[in-house]
Amino acid sequence: MSETQASCIEYDKLNDAPRLLMEAALKPLQGHRFQPTGFADLGPARYTLPDGTEMLLVESVQSVANRMELACWDQANDDLIGELRGLPYIRVKKSGDNGSLTNSVLEAHRINSPYILEGADKSVFEKLQQDAAGMQTGPVDMRKLAGLILKYDPNAVIHGVFLAKSDLAGGRLRLPRLLSGFIEASDVRPAESGGVKNDRVDPSGNTAQGFGNVPFHRTEFVAGEIKAFFNLDLALLRGYGLPEEAVKLLIALSLFKIRRFLSTGLRLRTACDLEVDGDLVGTRPHGFTVPEENALLTECTRLIRICKPHFPDPPITEVEWKPKKSGKGGKAQEGEEIADENAGDAGPDDE
């Protein structure tokens, strides 16, 4: 598609809409049972509607957001999928070589990752500090902040980011999430089963240390209906005052993430493999049709070219991970690593 050809997205239908709401019916790929997400000290998130309908959270907002990021990533080549290359992001190199350690697309806290901001290499931190100059006091200029984040990682504008370091404009630079989604099931019933870990060497061994046969129970669920819901905050996006081509890119990229997640990312767990039962439907604004995945990917590629002046050259900003060293009093010294302040936060349900 040339840059003068009509787009596959009816952007004009979104001009006055505060939200773009979409949903898709799902079903288990095989059989009827599925395993929902679980939470520490809670287990499955079950709840009851006022009319008595038994409900179940299948996948949380946090997890769906992370899974939609993975829709853009080529795991085998450790880079964005080919059609999206040219989008900026921050890549963290391993200390001492050019190997990739992590990046701002996949990190739990995106640009605020300790691997980007907390290492001995302060190049990215200093760039952000310079670009955020003037936002230390007074109301945060959300337009300036959105442009700053767009420059380094447009995916982080969609996902949302919180630059919490106090020496980055007082630790108050935050963009809320533009695109959110979740999966829930209605009219649910538990499906109880179980199993046993067999020890073929010593079935009567010390089970406290993992030897011997260990029986266990398992709770899965069946449901009358499973649905995925998606919400793109168009009013928030327009409020950022980004150039028109950048707004269109973020819309197209968001819709592509949803389509790719539904087509390739629904194996949520070993015992939770789902598929779309029908099609992705736009419920608000009325009459908006979500284009097909390949058309959206072509639109993203076109808009990445158009938005190139808003991005760094080269688009990938690199930083080397060199752990700080801590000495007496906890101050950074050579010879000892500091603890990762975000240790334990990352996971499928992390922000």
Protein backbone atom coordinates (compact mmCIF):
# COMPACT_ATOMS: atom_id res chain seq x y z
CA MET A 1 0.00 0.00 0.00
CA SER A 2 1.41 3.41 -0.94
CA GLU A 3 1.27 6.28 1.51
CA THR A 4 -1.42 7.99 -0.61
CA GLN A 5 -3.78 5.00 -0.80
CA ALA A 6 -6.85 4.72 1.39
CA SER A 7 -6.35 3.12 4.78
CA CYS A 8 -8.07 -0.09 5.85
CA ILE A 9 -9.12 1.67 9.09
CA GLU A 10 -12.13 3.99 9.12
CA TYR A 11 -10.41 6.60 11.30
CA ASP A 12 -13.21 9.13 10.71
CA LYS A 13 -15.66 6.90 12.59
CA LEU A 14 -13.45 7.19 15.67
CA ASN A 15 -13.07 10.99 15.65
CA ASP A 16 -15.77 11.71 18.24
CA ALA A 17 -15.75 8.41 20.15
CA PRO A 18 -14.29 8.47 23.68
CA ARG A 19 -13.60 4.72 23.59
CA LEU A 20 -13.33 1.96 21.03
CA LEU A 21 -14.87 -1.13 22.62
CA MET A 22 -14.46 -4.62 21.15
CA GLU A 23 -15.25 -8.16 22.21
CA ALA A 24 -14.81 -11.71 20.96
CA ALA A 25 -16.47 -14.94 22.04
CA LEU A 26 -14.00 -17.72 22.88
CA LYS A 27 -14.20 -21.46 23.49
CA PRO A 28 -11.77 -24.19 24.53
CA LEU A 29 -9.79 -25.48 21.58
CA GLN A 30 -10.52 -29.06 22.68
CA GLY A 31 -13.14 -30.39 25.05
CA HIS A 32 -14.94 -28.13 27.52
CA ARG A 33 -12.60 -27.59 30.48
CA PHE A 34 -10.11 -24.77 30.95
CA GLN A 35 -7.75 -23.55 33.66
CA PRO A 36 -8.18 -19.88 34.68
CA THR A 37 -5.54 -17.52 35.96
CA GLY A 38 -4.81 -17.84 39.68
CA PHE A 39 -3.57 -15.52 42.38
CA ALA A 40 -1.47 -16.11 45.50
CA ASP A 41 -3.61 -16.72 48.62
CA LEU A 42 -6.73 -16.48 46.45
CA GLY A 43 -6.64 -19.06 43.71
CA PRO A 44 -9.17 -18.59 40.89
CA ALA A 45 -10.93 -15.22 40.91
CA ARG A 46 -14.61 -16.16 41.21
CA TYR A 47 -17.46 -13.73 41.72
CA THR A 48 -21.26 -13.62 41.47
CA LEU A 49 -23.37 -11.08 39.57
CA PRO A 50 -26.40 -9.53 41.29
CA ASP A 51 -28.66 -11.82 39.24
CA GLY A 52 -26.86 -14.87 40.65
CA THR A 53 -24.72 -15.68 37.57
CA GLU A 54 -21.48 -17.38 38.60
CA MET A 55 -18.50 -15.61 36.99
CA LEU A 56 -14.78 -16.33 36.66
CA LEU A 57 -11.83 -14.19 35.62
CA VAL A 58 -9.97 -16.20 32.99
CA GLU A 59 -7.20 -13.68 32.24
CA SER A 60 -6.46 -10.38 34.00
CA VAL A 61 -5.97 -6.91 32.52
CA GLN A 62 -2.28 -7.03 33.41
CA SER A 63 -1.70 -10.39 31.76
CA VAL A 64 -3.60 -9.57 28.56
CA ALA A 65 -1.59 -6.33 28.22
CA ASN A 66 1.66 -8.28 28.41
CA ARG A 67 0.43 -10.95 26.02
CA MET A 68 -0.49 -8.29 23.46
CA GLU A 69 3.10 -7.02 23.62
CA LEU A 70 4.30 -10.54 22.81
CA ALA A 71 2.10 -10.44 19.71
CA CYS A 72 4.58 -7.94 18.23
CA TRP A 73 7.69 -9.90 19.14
CA ASP A 74 9.69 -12.45 17.15
CA GLN A 75 11.09 -14.72 19.86
CA ALA A 76 13.34 -16.65 17.48
CA ASN A 77 15.14 -13.50 16.27
CA ASP A 78 14.79 -11.57 19.55
CA ASP A 79 13.37 -8.54 17.78
CA LEU A 80 10.08 -7.05 16.63
CA ILE A 81 8.39 -9.01 13.85
CA GLY A 82 9.77 -8.00 10.47
CA GLU A 83 6.86 -5.78 9.41
CA LEU A 84 7.13 -3.70 12.60
CA ARG A 85 10.88 -3.12 12.50
CA GLY A 86 11.53 0.57 12.48
CA LEU A 87 9.44 1.07 15.60
CA PRO A 88 11.68 2.48 18.36
CA TYR A 89 12.40 0.62 21.57
CA ILE A 90 15.23 0.39 24.09
CA ARG A 91 17.43 -2.70 23.94
CA VAL A 92 19.60 -3.74 26.89
CA LYS A 93 22.87 -5.37 25.88
CA LYS A 94 24.76 -7.85 28.02
CA SER A 95 27.82 -6.40 29.67
CA GLY A 96 30.95 -7.21 27.71
CA ASP A 97 29.31 -8.37 24.45
CA ASN A 98 26.62 -7.42 21.97
CA GLY A 99 24.12 -10.04 23.10
CA SER A 100 20.65 -8.86 24.04
CA LEU A 101 19.63 -9.17 27.69
CA THR A 102 16.14 -7.61 27.62
CA ASN A 103 14.25 -4.66 26.16
CA SER A 104 11.58 -2.07 26.88
CA VAL A 105 8.88 -3.98 24.96
CA LEU A 106 9.05 -7.07 27.17
CA GLU A 107 10.22 -5.66 30.50
CA ALA A 108 7.67 -5.70 33.32
CA HIS A 109 8.05 -1.95 33.90
CA ARG A 110 8.88 -1.07 30.29
CA ILE A 111 11.11 2.02 30.06
CA ASN A 112 11.19 2.18 33.86
CA SER A 113 12.95 -1.19 34.00
CA PRO A 114 15.89 -1.29 36.44
CA TYR A 115 17.96 -2.87 33.64
CA ILE A 116 17.47 0.33 31.63
CA LEU A 117 17.70 2.98 34.36
CA GLU A 118 19.55 1.42 37.32
CA GLY A 119 22.77 0.15 35.79
CA ALA A 120 26.18 1.78 35.66
CA ASP A 121 25.54 2.80 32.04
CA LYS A 122 23.47 5.99 32.52
CA SER A 123 23.17 6.95 28.82
CA VAL A 124 19.42 6.34 28.51
CA PHE A 125 18.70 7.76 31.94
CA GLU A 126 20.55 10.96 31.03
CA LYS A 127 18.65 11.24 27.73
CA LEU A 128 15.33 10.89 29.53
CA GLN A 129 16.43 13.35 32.18
CA GLN A 130 17.35 15.88 29.51
CA ASP A 131 14.13 15.39 27.56
CA ALA A 132 12.05 15.71 30.75
CA ALA A 133 13.73 18.95 31.81
CA GLY A 134 11.22 21.53 33.01
CA MET A 135 8.69 18.98 34.30
CA GLN A 136 10.08 18.86 37.84
CA THR A 137 7.44 21.28 39.17
CA GLY A 138 3.94 22.32 38.24
CA PRO A 139 1.38 20.22 36.38
CA VAL A 140 2.95 17.53 34.22
CA ASP A 141 2.77 18.45 30.54
CA MET A 142 1.11 15.26 29.27
CA ARG A 143 1.62 16.27 25.63
CA LYS A 144 5.36 16.66 26.12
CA LEU A 145 5.53 13.43 28.11
CA ALA A 146 3.61 11.46 25.47
CA GLY A 147 5.93 12.78 22.75
CA LEU A 148 8.95 11.83 24.86
CA ILE A 149 7.75 8.24 25.36
CA LEU A 150 6.68 7.94 21.70
CA LYS A 151 10.23 8.83 20.69
CA TYR A 152 11.79 5.93 22.60
CA ASP A 153 9.02 3.29 22.49
CA PRO A 154 5.53 3.82 20.99
CA ASN A 155 4.46 0.50 22.51
CA ALA A 156 5.00 2.04 25.95
CA VAL A 157 2.50 4.81 25.08
CA ILE A 158 -0.08 2.10 24.39
CA HIS A 159 0.82 -0.03 27.39
CA GLY A 160 1.34 2.87 29.81
CA VAL A 161 4.45 3.64 31.81
CA PHE A 162 5.42 5.14 35.17
CA LEU A 163 8.87 6.73 35.42
CA ALA A 164 9.08 6.46 39.18
CA LYS A 165 12.67 7.56 39.81
CA SER A 166 12.76 10.70 41.93
CA ASP A 167 15.53 12.26 39.84
CA LEU A 168 13.38 11.99 36.72
CA ALA A 169 11.14 15.05 37.20
CA GLY A 170 10.37 14.03 40.76
CA GLY A 171 9.21 10.49 39.94
CA ARG A 172 5.77 11.60 38.78
CA LEU A 173 5.87 11.03 35.02
CA ARG A 174 3.09 8.60 34.24
CA LEU A 175 1.06 7.67 31.18
CA PRO A 176 -2.07 5.60 31.86
CA ARG A 177 -2.75 2.53 29.77
CA LEU A 178 -4.39 3.27 26.40
CA LEU A 179 -5.28 -0.30 25.46
CA SER A 180 -6.64 -2.77 27.97
CA GLY A 181 -8.28 -6.16 27.78
CA PHE A 182 -9.46 -9.04 29.93
CA ILE A 183 -11.15 -12.43 29.55
CA GLU A 184 -14.01 -13.59 31.74
CA ALA A 185 -16.34 -16.57 31.79
CA SER A 186 -19.99 -16.65 32.83
CA ASP A 187 -22.26 -19.41 34.10
CA VAL A 188 -19.24 -21.35 35.37
CA ARG A 189 -19.04 -24.67 37.18
CA PRO A 190 -15.96 -26.31 38.69
CA ALA A 191 -14.58 -29.45 37.08
CA GLU A 192 -12.71 -31.37 39.77
CA SER A 193 -10.03 -33.90 38.93
CA GLY A 194 -6.65 -34.96 40.20
CA GLY A 195 -3.56 -37.01 39.65
CA VAL A 196 -0.44 -38.39 41.24
CA LYS A 197 3.28 -37.81 40.89
CA ASN A 198 4.59 -41.35 40.59
CA ASP A 199 7.98 -42.36 41.96
CA ARG A 200 8.89 -45.53 40.05
CA VAL A 201 12.01 -46.03 42.19
CA ASP A 202 10.52 -45.82 45.69
CA PRO A 203 6.73 -45.34 45.86
CA SER A 204 6.82 -45.30 49.67
CA GLY A 205 9.70 -42.84 50.02
CA ASN A 206 9.98 -39.54 51.93
CA THR A 207 7.24 -37.45 50.38
CA ALA A 208 8.28 -34.40 52.45
CA GLN A 209 11.43 -34.21 50.33
CA GLY A 210 9.75 -35.06 47.04
CA PHE A 211 10.30 -38.83 47.06
CA GLY A 212 7.46 -41.31 46.81
CA ASN A 213 4.04 -41.09 45.21
CA VAL A 214 2.39 -37.70 45.76
CA PRO A 215 -1.33 -37.39 44.97
CA PHE A 216 -2.82 -33.98 44.17
CA HIS A 217 -6.19 -32.45 43.31
CA ARG A 218 -6.93 -30.16 40.38
CA THR A 219 -9.78 -27.71 39.80
CA GLU A 220 -10.63 -26.62 36.27
CA PHE A 221 -13.86 -25.03 35.02
CA VAL A 222 -16.54 -25.27 32.37
CA ALA A 223 -18.55 -22.24 31.32
CA GLY A 224 -21.66 -21.28 29.40
CA GLU A 225 -19.75 -18.43 27.77
CA ILE A 226 -16.18 -17.12 27.58
CA LYS A 227 -15.50 -13.63 26.22
CA ALA A 228 -12.50 -11.42 25.64
CA PHE A 229 -13.08 -7.67 26.01
CA PHE A 230 -10.87 -4.83 24.72
CA ASN A 231 -10.96 -1.08 25.35
CA LEU A 232 -8.93 1.54 23.46
CA ASP A 233 -9.11 4.93 25.18
CA LEU A 234 -9.41 7.30 22.23
CA ALA A 235 -10.15 10.37 24.36
CA LEU A 236 -6.92 9.88 26.29
CA LEU A 237 -4.99 9.36 23.06
CA ARG A 238 -6.37 12.55 21.50
CA GLY A 239 -5.53 14.44 24.69
CA TYR A 240 -1.83 13.73 24.13
CA GLY A 241 -1.81 16.11 21.17
CA LEU A 242 0.43 13.87 19.08
CA PRO A 243 0.78 14.41 15.33
CA GLU A 244 -2.06 12.89 13.29
CA GLU A 245 0.16 10.22 11.76
CA ALA A 246 1.37 9.15 15.22
CA VAL A 247 -2.22 8.89 16.50
CA LYS A 248 -3.12 6.71 13.53
CA LEU A 249 -0.06 4.53 14.12
CA LEU A 250 -1.01 3.94 17.76
CA ILE A 251 -4.58 3.04 16.76
CA ALA A 252 -3.44 0.68 14.01
CA LEU A 253 -0.82 -0.91 16.27
CA SER A 254 -3.39 -1.40 19.05
CA LEU A 255 -5.85 -3.10 16.70
CA PHE A 256 -3.09 -5.29 15.28
CA LYS A 257 -2.06 -6.36 18.80
CA ILE A 258 -5.63 -7.45 19.52
CA ARG A 259 -5.97 -9.37 16.26
CA ARG A 260 -2.60 -11.10 16.64
CA PHE A 261 -3.29 -11.99 20.28
CA LEU A 262 -6.59 -13.61 19.28
CA SER A 263 -5.03 -15.51 16.38
CA THR A 264 -1.79 -16.72 17.99
CA GLY A 265 -1.75 -15.94 21.73
CA LEU A 266 -4.69 -17.81 23.25
CA ARG A 267 -2.72 -20.75 24.69
CA LEU A 268 -2.75 -19.07 28.07
CA ARG A 269 -1.67 -22.09 30.10
CA THR A 270 -1.08 -25.81 29.60
CA ALA A 271 -4.74 -26.51 30.40
CA CYS A 272 -6.14 -23.28 28.93
CA ASP A 273 -5.96 -23.32 25.16
CA LEU A 274 -8.71 -21.20 23.60
CA GLU A 275 -9.86 -20.11 20.15
CA VAL A 276 -12.15 -17.40 18.80
CA ASP A 277 -15.74 -18.54 18.38
CA GLY A 278 -16.92 -16.15 15.68
CA ASP A 279 -15.11 -12.85 15.09
CA LEU A 280 -13.86 -9.75 16.87
CA VAL A 281 -16.78 -7.31 17.05
CA GLY A 282 -16.67 -3.57 17.60
CA THR A 283 -19.50 -2.68 20.00
CA ARG A 284 -18.80 1.05 20.34
CA PRO A 285 -18.88 3.26 18.33
CA HIS A 286 -21.66 1.56 16.40
CA GLY A 287 -20.77 0.59 12.86
CA PHE A 288 -16.99 0.42 13.26
CA THR A 289 -15.46 -2.71 11.74
CA VAL A 290 -12.06 -3.94 12.91
CA PRO A 291 -9.95 -4.76 9.83
CA GLU A 292 -8.32 -8.15 9.36
CA GLU A 293 -4.88 -8.87 10.81
CA ASN A 294 -2.87 -8.73 7.59
CA ALA A 295 -4.45 -5.45 6.53
CA LEU A 296 -3.66 -3.94 9.94
CA LEU A 297 -0.05 -5.10 9.72
CA THR A 298 0.29 -3.45 6.30
CA GLU A 299 -1.17 -0.24 7.74
CA CYS A 300 1.30 -0.34 10.63
CA THR A 301 4.23 -0.75 8.22
CA ARG A 302 3.02 2.22 6.17
CA LEU A 303 2.59 4.45 9.22
CA ILE A 304 5.98 3.49 10.68
CA ARG A 305 7.58 4.89 7.52
CA ILE A 306 5.55 8.10 7.76
CA CYS A 307 6.37 8.55 11.47
CA LYS A 308 10.12 8.07 10.97
CA PRO A 309 10.88 11.79 11.62
CA HIS A 310 9.45 11.40 15.14
CA PHE A 311 11.79 8.51 15.97
CA PRO A 312 15.51 8.32 16.78
CA ASP A 313 17.98 7.30 14.09
CA PRO A 314 18.69 4.43 14.52
CA PRO A 315 15.29 3.61 16.07
CA ILE A 316 16.69 1.16 18.63
CA THR A 317 18.32 2.90 21.59
CA GLU A 318 20.92 0.65 23.22
CA VAL A 319 22.14 0.59 26.80
CA GLU A 320 24.65 -1.82 28.34
CA TRP A 321 23.69 -3.58 31.53
CA LYS A 322 26.47 -3.07 34.04
CA PRO A 323 25.22 -3.61 37.59
CA LYS A 324 26.05 -0.87 40.05
CA LYS A 325 28.27 -1.82 42.93
CA SER A 326 27.35 -1.28 46.54
CA GLY A 327 29.80 -0.58 49.31
CA LYS A 328 29.55 0.72 52.85
CA GLY A 329 26.32 2.48 53.61
CA GLY A 330 24.68 1.02 50.49
CA LYS A 331 26.32 3.55 48.17
CA ALA A 332 27.43 2.41 44.77
CA GLN A 333 31.01 1.16 44.73
CA GLU A 334 32.91 -1.16 42.43
CA GLY A 335 32.93 -4.85 43.29
CA GLU A 336 29.43 -5.61 44.58
CA GLU A 337 25.99 -5.77 42.97
CA ILE A 338 22.97 -3.87 44.23
CA ALA A 339 19.64 -5.59 44.69
CA ASP A 340 17.03 -5.20 41.94
CA GLU A 341 14.32 -2.99 43.45
CA ASN A 342 11.72 -4.69 41.23
CA ALA A 343 12.77 -8.27 41.99
CA GLY A 344 9.73 -10.51 42.19
CA ASP A 345 7.42 -8.09 40.39
CA ALA A 346 7.66 -9.55 36.92
CA GLY A 347 5.24 -12.19 35.75
CA PRO A 348 2.26 -12.77 33.50
CA ASP A 349 0.03 -10.65 35.72
CA ASP A 350 2.49 -7.79 36.21
CA GLU A 351 1.77 -4.25 35.00
